[in-house]
Amino acid sequence: MSMLMSSTIEQEEKMKSLCNYLSRHVFPRYLQKELVDLFEAEKLFSLHDQSFEYVESLDDASKVITALNTIISILETPSISTHYEDLFTESIHILQSYQIAFPFQLSFFLEHRHAGSFN
């Protein structure tokens, strides 16, 4: 018999916090303020209780947290490059496997590298 431990409230809060950080601190480095505001208004990168239906176990939550941390780390790297593309894409696929949308490829951020700094 095996036991499946569900994700904890702390893990859910961590996932919400990482999405919030991504939206408020990382995206503005690449996107113009109006687009970031639109994402926040539409709650595109915010997790809610329904988002956690697919994140059922401690292992699932750890994978999502790791994927979010990886994406954030890559995007916060001073000199991001295509060298990180496989890792970035793998992280996106992990999020998508838990029904968490992340509609951007690394190439989008490479093209919009300094958009947020012009505001």
N, C-alpha and C. Protein backbone atom coordinates (compact mmCIF):
# COMPACT_ATOMS: atom_id res chain seq x y z
N MET A 1 0.84 -1.17 0.00
CA MET A 1 0.00 0.00 0.00
C MET A 1 0.89 1.24 0.00
N SER A 2 0.58 2.18 -0.88
CA SER A 2 1.34 3.42 -0.89
C SER A 2 0.42 4.58 -0.51
N MET A 3 1.03 5.54 0.13
CA MET A 3 0.26 6.72 0.55
C MET A 3 0.64 7.88 -0.35
N LEU A 4 -0.36 8.67 -0.69
CA LEU A 4 -0.14 9.86 -1.50
C LEU A 4 -0.42 11.07 -0.63
N MET A 5 0.61 11.85 -0.38
CA MET A 5 0.46 13.04 0.46
C MET A 5 0.05 14.21 -0.43
N SER A 6 -1.02 14.89 -0.05
CA SER A 6 -1.47 16.03 -0.85
C SER A 6 -0.58 17.24 -0.59
N SER A 7 -0.64 18.18 -1.54
CA SER A 7 0.16 19.38 -1.38
C SER A 7 -0.31 20.14 -0.14
N THR A 8 0.60 20.87 0.46
CA THR A 8 0.28 21.59 1.69
C THR A 8 -0.18 23.01 1.38
N ILE A 9 -0.79 23.62 2.35
CA ILE A 9 -1.22 25.02 2.21
C ILE A 9 -0.01 25.90 1.96
N GLU A 10 1.10 25.60 2.62
CA GLU A 10 2.32 26.38 2.44
C GLU A 10 2.83 26.28 1.00
N GLN A 11 2.75 25.08 0.43
CA GLN A 11 3.18 24.92 -0.96
C GLN A 11 2.27 25.70 -1.90
N GLU A 12 0.98 25.66 -1.64
CA GLU A 12 0.04 26.42 -2.47
C GLU A 12 0.31 27.91 -2.37
N GLU A 13 0.60 28.39 -1.16
CA GLU A 13 0.94 29.80 -0.99
C GLU A 13 2.24 30.15 -1.70
N LYS A 14 3.20 29.23 -1.68
CA LYS A 14 4.47 29.46 -2.37
C LYS A 14 4.24 29.56 -3.88
N MET A 15 3.41 28.69 -4.43
CA MET A 15 3.11 28.75 -5.87
C MET A 15 2.43 30.07 -6.23
N LYS A 16 1.49 30.50 -5.41
CA LYS A 16 0.81 31.78 -5.65
C LYS A 16 1.81 32.93 -5.57
N SER A 17 2.68 32.86 -4.58
CA SER A 17 3.69 33.91 -4.39
C SER A 17 4.65 33.99 -5.58
N LEU A 18 5.06 32.85 -6.11
CA LEU A 18 5.96 32.85 -7.26
C LEU A 18 5.27 33.42 -8.50
N CYS A 19 4.00 33.08 -8.70
CA CYS A 19 3.26 33.65 -9.84
C CYS A 19 3.11 35.15 -9.69
N ASN A 20 2.85 35.59 -8.48
CA ASN A 20 2.74 37.02 -8.21
C ASN A 20 4.07 37.73 -8.46
N TYR A 21 5.15 37.13 -8.01
CA TYR A 21 6.48 37.70 -8.22
C TYR A 21 6.80 37.79 -9.71
N LEU A 22 6.47 36.73 -10.43
CA LEU A 22 6.69 36.72 -11.88
C LEU A 22 5.95 37.86 -12.55
N SER A 23 4.70 38.05 -12.16
CA SER A 23 3.87 39.08 -12.77
C SER A 23 4.31 40.49 -12.39
N ARG A 24 4.65 40.70 -11.15
CA ARG A 24 4.94 42.05 -10.67
C ARG A 24 6.39 42.48 -10.76
N HIS A 25 7.32 41.52 -10.76
CA HIS A 25 8.73 41.90 -10.72
C HIS A 25 9.54 41.45 -11.93
N VAL A 26 9.14 40.34 -12.53
CA VAL A 26 9.92 39.83 -13.66
C VAL A 26 9.36 40.33 -14.98
N PHE A 27 8.06 40.17 -15.21
CA PHE A 27 7.47 40.61 -16.47
C PHE A 27 7.73 42.09 -16.77
N PRO A 28 7.70 42.98 -15.79
CA PRO A 28 7.97 44.39 -16.12
C PRO A 28 9.36 44.64 -16.71
N ARG A 29 10.27 43.72 -16.54
CA ARG A 29 11.60 43.85 -17.15
C ARG A 29 11.54 43.63 -18.67
N TYR A 30 10.49 42.97 -19.12
CA TYR A 30 10.39 42.58 -20.52
C TYR A 30 9.17 43.15 -21.24
N LEU A 31 8.15 43.46 -20.51
CA LEU A 31 6.89 43.89 -21.10
C LEU A 31 6.57 45.32 -20.70
N GLN A 32 5.88 46.01 -21.57
CA GLN A 32 5.47 47.35 -21.24
C GLN A 32 4.38 47.30 -20.16
N LYS A 33 4.33 48.33 -19.37
CA LYS A 33 3.45 48.39 -18.21
C LYS A 33 1.99 48.07 -18.55
N GLU A 34 1.53 48.55 -19.68
CA GLU A 34 0.13 48.33 -20.07
C GLU A 34 -0.17 46.85 -20.23
N LEU A 35 0.77 46.11 -20.80
CA LEU A 35 0.57 44.68 -21.00
C LEU A 35 0.62 43.93 -19.67
N VAL A 36 1.53 44.32 -18.79
CA VAL A 36 1.60 43.71 -17.46
C VAL A 36 0.30 43.99 -16.71
N ASP A 37 -0.20 45.22 -16.79
CA ASP A 37 -1.46 45.57 -16.13
C ASP A 37 -2.62 44.74 -16.68
N LEU A 38 -2.62 44.51 -17.99
CA LEU A 38 -3.65 43.69 -18.61
C LEU A 38 -3.58 42.26 -18.10
N PHE A 39 -2.38 41.70 -18.00
CA PHE A 39 -2.22 40.35 -17.47
C PHE A 39 -2.75 40.25 -16.05
N GLU A 40 -2.43 41.26 -15.23
CA GLU A 40 -2.91 41.25 -13.85
C GLU A 40 -4.42 41.38 -13.78
N ALA A 41 -4.99 42.26 -14.61
CA ALA A 41 -6.45 42.44 -14.63
C ALA A 41 -7.16 41.16 -15.05
N GLU A 42 -6.58 40.46 -15.99
CA GLU A 42 -7.17 39.20 -16.48
C GLU A 42 -6.77 38.00 -15.62
N LYS A 43 -5.92 38.25 -14.63
CA LYS A 43 -5.43 37.21 -13.71
C LYS A 43 -4.80 36.04 -14.46
N LEU A 44 -4.02 36.37 -15.49
CA LEU A 44 -3.41 35.33 -16.31
C LEU A 44 -2.34 34.54 -15.57
N PHE A 45 -1.65 35.16 -14.66
CA PHE A 45 -0.60 34.45 -13.95
C PHE A 45 -0.85 34.40 -12.45
N SER A 46 -2.12 34.33 -12.10
CA SER A 46 -2.44 34.15 -10.70
C SER A 46 -3.10 32.79 -10.54
N LEU A 47 -2.76 32.12 -9.49
CA LEU A 47 -3.34 30.80 -9.23
C LEU A 47 -4.49 30.95 -8.24
N HIS A 48 -5.51 30.18 -8.45
CA HIS A 48 -6.65 30.18 -7.55
C HIS A 48 -6.93 28.74 -7.15
N ASP A 49 -7.90 28.51 -6.30
CA ASP A 49 -8.15 27.18 -5.76
C ASP A 49 -8.37 26.13 -6.85
N GLN A 50 -9.02 26.50 -7.95
CA GLN A 50 -9.25 25.55 -9.03
C GLN A 50 -7.94 25.14 -9.70
N SER A 51 -6.94 26.02 -9.66
CA SER A 51 -5.65 25.70 -10.26
C SER A 51 -4.99 24.52 -9.57
N PHE A 52 -5.31 24.31 -8.31
CA PHE A 52 -4.65 23.28 -7.53
C PHE A 52 -5.32 21.91 -7.65
N GLU A 53 -6.39 21.82 -8.44
CA GLU A 53 -7.04 20.53 -8.65
C GLU A 53 -6.10 19.53 -9.30
N TYR A 54 -5.18 20.02 -10.13
CA TYR A 54 -4.26 19.15 -10.85
C TYR A 54 -2.94 18.96 -10.10
N VAL A 55 -2.71 19.78 -9.10
CA VAL A 55 -1.51 19.68 -8.28
C VAL A 55 -1.94 18.92 -7.03
N GLU A 56 -1.90 17.59 -7.14
CA GLU A 56 -2.53 16.76 -6.12
C GLU A 56 -1.60 16.32 -4.99
N SER A 57 -0.33 16.18 -5.26
CA SER A 57 0.56 15.60 -4.27
C SER A 57 1.70 16.55 -3.91
N LEU A 58 2.44 16.17 -2.87
CA LEU A 58 3.64 16.93 -2.50
C LEU A 58 4.63 16.97 -3.65
N ASP A 59 4.76 15.85 -4.35
CA ASP A 59 5.67 15.77 -5.48
C ASP A 59 5.22 16.71 -6.61
N ASP A 60 3.92 16.73 -6.89
CA ASP A 60 3.39 17.64 -7.92
C ASP A 60 3.68 19.09 -7.57
N ALA A 61 3.41 19.46 -6.33
CA ALA A 61 3.64 20.83 -5.89
C ALA A 61 5.13 21.19 -5.99
N SER A 62 5.98 20.26 -5.63
CA SER A 62 7.43 20.51 -5.73
C SER A 62 7.86 20.73 -7.17
N LYS A 63 7.28 19.96 -8.10
CA LYS A 63 7.60 20.13 -9.52
C LYS A 63 7.16 21.51 -10.02
N VAL A 64 5.97 21.94 -9.63
CA VAL A 64 5.46 23.25 -10.06
C VAL A 64 6.32 24.37 -9.48
N ILE A 65 6.64 24.27 -8.20
CA ILE A 65 7.48 25.28 -7.55
C ILE A 65 8.85 25.35 -8.22
N THR A 66 9.43 24.20 -8.51
CA THR A 66 10.74 24.15 -9.17
C THR A 66 10.66 24.76 -10.57
N ALA A 67 9.60 24.44 -11.32
CA ALA A 67 9.44 24.99 -12.67
C ALA A 67 9.32 26.51 -12.62
N LEU A 68 8.51 27.03 -11.69
CA LEU A 68 8.37 28.49 -11.56
C LEU A 68 9.68 29.14 -11.16
N ASN A 69 10.37 28.54 -10.19
CA ASN A 69 11.67 29.08 -9.78
C ASN A 69 12.68 29.07 -10.93
N THR A 70 12.65 28.02 -11.74
CA THR A 70 13.56 27.93 -12.88
C THR A 70 13.28 29.03 -13.89
N ILE A 71 12.01 29.22 -14.22
CA ILE A 71 11.63 30.27 -15.17
C ILE A 71 12.07 31.64 -14.65
N ILE A 72 11.79 31.90 -13.38
CA ILE A 72 12.17 33.18 -12.78
C ILE A 72 13.68 33.36 -12.81
N SER A 73 14.41 32.33 -12.42
CA SER A 73 15.88 32.43 -12.40
C SER A 73 16.45 32.72 -13.78
N ILE A 74 15.92 32.04 -14.79
CA ILE A 74 16.41 32.28 -16.16
C ILE A 74 16.10 33.71 -16.58
N LEU A 75 14.88 34.16 -16.32
CA LEU A 75 14.50 35.50 -16.75
C LEU A 75 15.20 36.60 -15.96
N GLU A 76 15.68 36.28 -14.77
CA GLU A 76 16.41 37.27 -13.98
C GLU A 76 17.91 37.23 -14.23
N THR A 77 18.37 36.29 -15.04
CA THR A 77 19.78 36.21 -15.39
C THR A 77 20.14 37.44 -16.21
N PRO A 78 21.20 38.14 -15.85
CA PRO A 78 21.56 39.37 -16.57
C PRO A 78 21.77 39.17 -18.08
N SER A 79 22.25 38.02 -18.46
CA SER A 79 22.51 37.80 -19.89
C SER A 79 21.84 36.50 -20.34
N ILE A 80 20.51 36.52 -20.38
CA ILE A 80 19.82 35.31 -20.82
C ILE A 80 20.14 35.04 -22.29
N SER A 81 20.17 33.78 -22.62
CA SER A 81 20.47 33.40 -23.99
C SER A 81 19.73 32.11 -24.33
N THR A 82 19.84 31.71 -25.57
CA THR A 82 19.19 30.48 -26.01
C THR A 82 19.80 29.25 -25.34
N HIS A 83 20.91 29.44 -24.66
CA HIS A 83 21.55 28.35 -23.91
C HIS A 83 20.57 27.74 -22.89
N TYR A 84 19.64 28.54 -22.40
CA TYR A 84 18.68 28.09 -21.40
C TYR A 84 17.37 27.57 -21.99
N GLU A 85 17.27 27.53 -23.29
CA GLU A 85 16.00 27.23 -23.95
C GLU A 85 15.42 25.87 -23.56
N ASP A 86 16.22 24.83 -23.53
CA ASP A 86 15.70 23.50 -23.19
C ASP A 86 15.15 23.46 -21.77
N LEU A 87 15.88 24.04 -20.86
CA LEU A 87 15.44 24.07 -19.46
C LEU A 87 14.18 24.91 -19.30
N PHE A 88 14.12 26.02 -19.99
CA PHE A 88 12.95 26.90 -19.96
C PHE A 88 11.73 26.17 -20.52
N THR A 89 11.90 25.53 -21.67
CA THR A 89 10.81 24.80 -22.32
C THR A 89 10.34 23.63 -21.46
N GLU A 90 11.26 22.93 -20.85
CA GLU A 90 10.89 21.83 -19.95
C GLU A 90 10.06 22.35 -18.77
N SER A 91 10.42 23.49 -18.25
CA SER A 91 9.66 24.09 -17.13
C SER A 91 8.25 24.47 -17.57
N ILE A 92 8.14 25.01 -18.77
CA ILE A 92 6.81 25.36 -19.30
C ILE A 92 5.96 24.11 -19.44
N HIS A 93 6.55 23.03 -19.95
CA HIS A 93 5.81 21.78 -20.12
C HIS A 93 5.35 21.22 -18.77
N ILE A 94 6.18 21.35 -17.77
CA ILE A 94 5.77 20.91 -16.42
C ILE A 94 4.56 21.70 -15.97
N LEU A 95 4.59 23.03 -16.12
CA LEU A 95 3.45 23.85 -15.72
C LEU A 95 2.21 23.45 -16.50
N GLN A 96 2.35 23.28 -17.80
CA GLN A 96 1.20 22.92 -18.64
C GLN A 96 0.63 21.56 -18.27
N SER A 97 1.47 20.64 -17.82
CA SER A 97 0.97 19.32 -17.42
C SER A 97 0.07 19.41 -16.19
N TYR A 98 0.16 20.51 -15.46
CA TYR A 98 -0.71 20.75 -14.31
C TYR A 98 -1.75 21.83 -14.61
N GLN A 99 -1.99 22.05 -15.90
CA GLN A 99 -3.01 23.01 -16.36
C GLN A 99 -2.72 24.44 -15.94
N ILE A 100 -1.44 24.78 -15.83
CA ILE A 100 -1.02 26.15 -15.52
C ILE A 100 -0.46 26.74 -16.80
N ALA A 101 -1.14 27.74 -17.32
CA ALA A 101 -0.76 28.31 -18.61
C ALA A 101 0.45 29.22 -18.47
N PHE A 102 1.38 29.04 -19.37
CA PHE A 102 2.51 29.95 -19.52
C PHE A 102 2.74 30.07 -21.02
N PRO A 103 2.14 31.09 -21.66
CA PRO A 103 2.08 31.15 -23.12
C PRO A 103 3.32 31.70 -23.83
N PHE A 104 4.42 31.88 -23.13
CA PHE A 104 5.60 32.48 -23.75
C PHE A 104 6.74 31.49 -23.85
N GLN A 105 7.43 31.52 -24.97
CA GLN A 105 8.67 30.77 -25.12
C GLN A 105 9.82 31.70 -24.75
N LEU A 106 10.99 31.16 -24.55
CA LEU A 106 12.15 31.97 -24.18
C LEU A 106 12.44 33.02 -25.26
N SER A 107 12.22 32.68 -26.51
CA SER A 107 12.49 33.62 -27.60
C SER A 107 11.69 34.92 -27.44
N PHE A 108 10.49 34.85 -26.88
CA PHE A 108 9.70 36.06 -26.63
C PHE A 108 10.46 37.00 -25.72
N PHE A 109 11.04 36.47 -24.66
CA PHE A 109 11.75 37.31 -23.70
C PHE A 109 13.08 37.81 -24.27
N LEU A 110 13.70 37.03 -25.11
CA LEU A 110 14.92 37.49 -25.77
C LEU A 110 14.62 38.68 -26.68
N GLU A 111 13.49 38.64 -27.35
CA GLU A 111 13.10 39.73 -28.25
C GLU A 111 12.65 40.98 -27.50
N HIS A 112 12.11 40.80 -26.31
CA HIS A 112 11.56 41.92 -25.53
C HIS A 112 12.42 42.23 -24.31
N ARG A 113 13.67 41.94 -24.43
CA ARG A 113 14.61 42.02 -23.31
C ARG A 113 14.54 43.31 -22.50
N HIS A 114 14.44 44.46 -23.13
CA HIS A 114 14.51 45.71 -22.38
C HIS A 114 13.25 46.54 -22.52
N ALA A 115 12.16 45.95 -22.91
CA ALA A 115 10.91 46.70 -23.11
C ALA A 115 10.46 47.41 -21.84
N GLY A 116 10.59 46.72 -20.71
CA GLY A 116 10.13 47.31 -19.46
C GLY A 116 10.99 48.48 -19.00
N SER A 117 12.23 48.54 -19.43
CA SER A 117 13.11 49.61 -18.96
C SER A 117 12.85 50.94 -19.66
N PHE A 118 12.00 50.96 -20.69
CA PHE A 118 11.71 52.18 -21.40
C PHE A 118 10.53 52.93 -20.81
N ASN A 119 9.87 52.38 -19.81
CA ASN A 119 8.69 53.02 -19.21
C ASN A 119 9.08 54.21 -18.38
